[in-house]
């Protein structure tokens, strides 16, 4: 977690430095749409779209792992209950230890 936070901060610092050094207004053209905006807005929007795309790409795997962890926890509880039942059965079937033998004679 700490490593990813350091990488994120470094990446944001690079984006900020780029935006400060390139403060110009640019024209955005997409199909029939056209608009003027600052380069910073384009960079931040592109970065945000990349973060959102990465998060969405990782979401199915995270949900699958959560589901598998839940199923595994359920199986562990079932196994623990079974072990408890088996211990009770062993205690019931095991004869009590023999007491000390009386004096021989």
Protein backbone atom coordinates (compact mmCIF):
# COMPACT_ATOMS: atom_id res chain seq x y z
CA UNK A 1 0.00 0.00 0.00
CA UNK A 2 2.79 2.43 0.87
CA UNK A 3 4.63 1.75 -2.40
CA UNK A 4 1.53 2.39 -4.50
CA UNK A 5 0.88 5.62 -2.60
CA UNK A 6 4.45 6.80 -3.28
CA UNK A 7 4.07 5.98 -6.99
CA UNK A 8 0.74 7.82 -7.13
CA UNK A 9 2.19 10.91 -5.46
CA UNK A 10 5.18 10.90 -7.81
CA UNK A 11 2.89 10.56 -10.83
CA UNK A 12 0.69 13.42 -9.63
CA UNK A 13 3.78 15.57 -9.09
CA UNK A 14 4.90 14.92 -12.67
CA UNK A 15 1.44 15.79 -14.00
CA UNK A 16 1.39 18.99 -11.93
CA UNK A 17 4.85 19.99 -13.15
CA UNK A 18 3.83 19.38 -16.76
CA UNK A 19 0.65 21.41 -16.32
CA UNK A 20 2.51 24.35 -14.75
CA UNK A 21 5.06 24.41 -17.56
CA UNK A 22 2.37 24.17 -20.29
CA UNK A 23 -0.41 26.59 -19.31
CA UNK A 24 -1.73 27.12 -22.85
CA UNK A 25 -5.25 26.84 -24.17
CA UNK A 26 -5.84 24.08 -26.71
CA UNK A 27 -8.68 23.21 -29.05
CA UNK A 28 -10.30 19.82 -28.58
CA UNK A 29 -11.95 18.21 -31.61
CA UNK A 30 -13.98 15.02 -31.32
CA UNK A 31 -16.26 13.99 -34.17
CA UNK A 32 -18.50 17.04 -34.61
CA UNK A 33 -17.74 18.54 -31.21
CA UNK A 34 -15.18 21.28 -30.78
CA UNK A 35 -14.10 23.23 -27.71
CA UNK A 36 -11.29 25.28 -26.23
CA UNK A 37 -9.88 24.34 -22.84
CA UNK A 38 -6.66 24.44 -20.91
CA UNK A 39 -4.11 21.68 -21.28
CA UNK A 40 -4.40 20.99 -17.54
CA UNK A 41 -8.07 20.03 -17.93
CA UNK A 42 -7.23 17.63 -20.75
CA UNK A 43 -4.42 16.03 -18.74
CA UNK A 44 -6.51 15.65 -15.58
CA UNK A 45 -9.46 14.27 -17.58
CA UNK A 46 -7.20 11.77 -19.34
CA UNK A 47 -5.60 10.72 -16.06
CA UNK A 48 -9.03 10.36 -14.44
CA UNK A 49 -10.29 8.29 -17.36
CA UNK A 50 -7.23 6.03 -17.04
CA UNK A 51 -7.75 5.58 -13.30
CA UNK A 52 -11.44 4.83 -13.81
CA UNK A 53 -10.65 2.36 -16.61
CA UNK A 54 -8.06 0.59 -14.45
CA UNK A 55 -10.45 0.39 -11.52
CA UNK A 56 -13.24 -0.98 -13.72
CA UNK A 57 -10.86 -3.53 -15.25
CA UNK A 58 -9.87 -4.77 -11.79
CA UNK A 59 -13.39 -4.83 -10.37
CA UNK A 60 -14.45 -8.31 -11.61
CA UNK A 61 -11.33 -9.91 -10.12
CA UNK A 62 -11.83 -8.14 -6.80
CA UNK A 63 -15.45 -9.24 -6.62
CA UNK A 64 -14.48 -12.82 -7.51
CA UNK A 65 -11.79 -12.87 -4.79
CA UNK A 66 -14.27 -11.51 -2.24
CA UNK A 67 -16.78 -14.21 -3.18
CA UNK A 68 -14.12 -16.93 -2.97
CA UNK A 69 -12.95 -15.65 0.42
CA UNK A 70 -16.52 -15.73 1.72
CA UNK A 71 -17.02 -19.28 0.44
CA UNK A 72 -13.69 -20.35 1.98
CA UNK A 73 -14.63 -18.83 5.34
CA UNK A 74 -17.92 -20.74 5.24
CA UNK A 75 -16.10 -24.01 4.49
CA UNK A 76 -13.67 -23.35 7.36
CA UNK A 77 -16.59 -22.88 9.78
CA UNK A 78 -18.14 -26.13 8.52
CA UNK A 79 -14.84 -28.00 8.96
CA UNK A 80 -14.38 -26.59 12.46
CA UNK A 81 -17.88 -27.76 13.40
CA UNK A 82 -17.12 -31.20 11.95
CA UNK A 83 -13.85 -31.41 13.90
CA UNK A 84 -15.72 -30.50 17.08
CA UNK A 85 -18.30 -33.24 16.41
CA UNK A 86 -15.54 -35.78 15.72
CA UNK A 87 -13.75 -34.88 18.97
CA UNK A 88 -16.99 -35.41 20.91
CA UNK A 89 -17.44 -38.78 19.19
CA UNK A 90 -13.86 -39.81 20.02
CA UNK A 91 -14.30 -38.78 23.65
CA UNK A 92 -17.55 -40.75 23.87
CA UNK A 93 -16.05 -43.90 22.28
CA UNK A 94 -12.72 -43.84 24.09
CA UNK A 95 -12.82 -45.86 27.33
CA UNK A 96 -11.76 -43.98 30.42
CA UNK A 97 -8.17 -44.61 31.45
CA UNK A 98 -7.71 -47.43 33.92
CA UNK A 99 -7.13 -46.33 37.48
CA UNK A 100 -4.04 -47.30 39.44
CA UNK A 101 -3.80 -51.03 40.07
CA UNK A 102 -4.30 -52.20 43.63
CA UNK A 103 -1.55 -53.95 45.56
CA UNK A 104 -0.68 -57.30 44.14
CA UNK A 105 -0.78 -60.04 46.50
